[in-house]
Amino acid sequence: MVSLGLVVSRFNREVTEQMEERANEAAADRGAEVVETLRVPGAYDAPLAADRLARRDEVDAVAVVGTIVTGDTDHDQVIADAAAQGLTDVSLDRDTPITFGISGPGMSGAEARERVDKGEEAVNAAVELVEEL
């Protein structure tokens, strides 16, 4: 059985709670177990939490879910770039699959609500990576 850590961004909670539900459903469908869920303020904060989970011997992979909506500045792009790079670094440093189930940037709240399947996609990718590697 694949053991997963799950990191969930609380920012845009109405969307990320649905993403978390989809992630847990996907884990159950795949026969994987989410051994711990960490909730962080926003997507920018996800790499540290992913690193903490990836350090645990019982965690085979970490799925990260969140959503980044656009605002009046390029802040959403900065957050997305930093989160993606940080999660990539954790994955390579810990030799542990860390999957990116963060939707955005450059989308509205309505578009974010249409992408709650990112939670499922992140878990499926994590399980597939563990099985392949």
Protein backbone atom coordinates (compact mmCIF):
# COMPACT_ATOMS: atom_id res chain seq x y z
CA MET A 1 0.00 0.00 0.00
CA VAL A 2 1.25 3.49 -0.89
CA SER A 3 1.38 5.89 2.06
CA LEU A 4 0.83 9.54 1.23
CA GLY A 5 1.28 12.86 2.90
CA LEU A 6 -1.17 15.55 1.82
CA VAL A 7 -0.56 19.30 1.97
CA VAL A 8 -3.63 21.51 1.60
CA SER A 9 -3.58 25.27 1.17
CA ARG A 10 -6.22 27.07 3.24
CA PHE A 11 -6.28 30.17 1.01
CA ASN A 12 -9.43 30.00 -1.14
CA ARG A 13 -10.74 27.41 1.31
CA GLU A 14 -14.08 26.91 -0.45
CA VAL A 15 -12.11 25.47 -3.37
CA THR A 16 -9.29 23.71 -1.54
CA GLU A 17 -11.67 21.83 0.76
CA GLN A 18 -13.23 20.27 -2.33
CA MET A 19 -9.77 19.51 -3.70
CA GLU A 20 -8.90 17.79 -0.42
CA GLU A 21 -12.08 15.70 -0.62
CA ARG A 22 -11.22 14.64 -4.17
CA ALA A 23 -7.67 13.80 -3.09
CA ASN A 24 -8.89 11.57 -0.25
CA GLU A 25 -11.42 9.87 -2.52
CA ALA A 26 -8.71 9.21 -5.12
CA ALA A 27 -6.41 7.74 -2.45
CA ALA A 28 -9.16 5.37 -1.30
CA ASP A 29 -9.93 4.40 -4.91
CA ARG A 30 -6.24 3.63 -5.52
CA GLY A 31 -5.81 1.65 -2.31
CA ALA A 32 -3.43 4.28 -0.92
CA GLU A 33 -3.51 5.71 2.57
CA VAL A 34 -3.19 9.38 3.50
CA VAL A 35 -1.18 9.05 6.71
CA GLU A 36 -1.10 12.77 7.51
CA THR A 37 -2.60 15.98 6.19
CA LEU A 38 -0.97 19.33 6.85
CA ARG A 39 -2.91 22.53 6.20
CA VAL A 40 -0.87 25.60 5.35
CA PRO A 41 -1.92 29.23 4.90
CA GLY A 42 -1.28 29.37 1.15
CA ALA A 43 0.43 27.71 -1.80
CA TYR A 44 3.65 29.64 -1.10
CA ASP A 45 3.88 27.83 2.26
CA ALA A 46 3.49 24.33 0.80
CA PRO A 47 7.18 23.46 0.18
CA LEU A 48 8.13 23.51 3.87
CA ALA A 49 5.18 21.32 4.82
CA ALA A 50 5.92 18.96 1.92
CA ASP A 51 9.52 18.73 3.09
CA ARG A 52 8.47 17.84 6.64
CA LEU A 53 6.22 15.07 5.34
CA ALA A 54 8.83 13.79 2.87
CA ARG A 55 11.30 13.34 5.75
CA ARG A 56 9.03 10.76 7.39
CA ASP A 57 9.95 7.13 6.72
CA GLU A 58 6.31 6.06 6.43
CA VAL A 59 5.52 8.61 3.68
CA ASP A 60 6.15 7.33 0.15
CA ALA A 61 5.01 10.51 -1.63
CA VAL A 62 3.41 13.86 -0.95
CA ALA A 63 0.50 15.37 -2.88
CA VAL A 64 0.07 19.12 -2.64
CA VAL A 65 -3.24 20.86 -3.41
CA GLY A 66 -4.13 24.51 -3.56
CA THR A 67 -5.37 27.22 -5.85
CA ILE A 68 -3.93 30.55 -6.89
CA VAL A 69 -6.33 33.11 -8.33
CA THR A 70 -5.35 36.25 -10.16
CA GLY A 71 -5.46 39.68 -8.63
CA ASP A 72 -4.64 43.21 -9.68
CA THR A 73 -0.88 42.54 -9.83
CA ASP A 74 1.44 39.74 -10.96
CA HIS A 75 1.50 38.39 -7.41
CA ASP A 76 -0.25 35.17 -8.48
CA GLN A 77 2.54 34.40 -10.95
CA VAL A 78 5.22 35.05 -8.33
CA ILE A 79 3.48 32.73 -5.85
CA ALA A 80 3.00 29.98 -8.44
CA ASP A 81 6.63 30.13 -9.58
CA ALA A 82 7.96 30.05 -6.02
CA ALA A 83 5.69 27.16 -5.01
CA ALA A 84 6.56 25.11 -8.10
CA GLN A 85 10.29 25.62 -7.68
CA GLY A 86 10.15 24.95 -3.94
CA LEU A 87 8.22 21.71 -4.41
CA THR A 88 10.57 20.58 -7.17
CA ASP A 89 13.54 21.22 -4.89
CA VAL A 90 11.96 19.21 -2.06
CA SER A 91 11.24 16.30 -4.38
CA LEU A 92 14.79 16.16 -5.67
CA ASP A 93 16.46 16.82 -2.30
CA ARG A 94 14.40 14.15 -0.51
CA ASP A 95 14.25 11.72 -3.46
CA THR A 96 10.51 11.55 -2.82
CA PRO A 97 7.69 12.21 -5.28
CA ILE A 98 6.03 15.55 -4.54
CA THR A 99 3.10 16.19 -6.87
CA PHE A 100 1.75 19.60 -7.87
CA GLY A 101 -2.02 19.80 -7.55
CA ILE A 102 -2.09 23.57 -7.44
CA SER A 103 -4.35 25.26 -9.97
CA GLY A 104 -3.48 28.70 -11.30
CA PRO A 105 -2.13 31.29 -11.72
CA GLY A 106 -4.03 33.56 -14.07
CA MET A 107 -7.53 32.37 -13.29
CA SER A 108 -10.61 33.72 -11.59
CA GLY A 109 -12.33 32.25 -8.56
CA ALA A 110 -14.95 30.72 -10.87
CA GLU A 111 -12.24 29.06 -12.94
CA ALA A 112 -10.63 27.76 -9.75
CA ARG A 113 -13.91 26.15 -8.71
CA GLU A 114 -13.96 24.30 -12.03
CA ARG A 115 -10.55 22.76 -11.31
CA VAL A 116 -11.17 20.92 -8.04
CA ASP A 117 -10.12 17.70 -9.79
CA LYS A 118 -6.51 18.83 -9.28
CA GLY A 119 -6.71 17.11 -5.89
CA GLU A 120 -7.50 13.80 -7.52
CA GLU A 121 -4.85 14.34 -10.19
CA ALA A 122 -2.15 15.05 -7.59
CA VAL A 123 -2.90 11.84 -5.67
CA ASN A 124 -3.06 9.73 -8.82
CA ALA A 125 0.29 11.12 -9.98
CA ALA A 126 1.84 10.46 -6.56
CA VAL A 127 0.69 6.84 -6.51
CA GLU A 128 1.84 6.28 -10.10
CA LEU A 129 5.28 7.73 -9.36
CA VAL A 130 5.73 5.55 -6.28
CA GLU A 131 4.72 2.46 -8.23
CA GLU A 132 6.97 3.32 -11.17
CA LEU A 133 10.03 4.31 -9.14
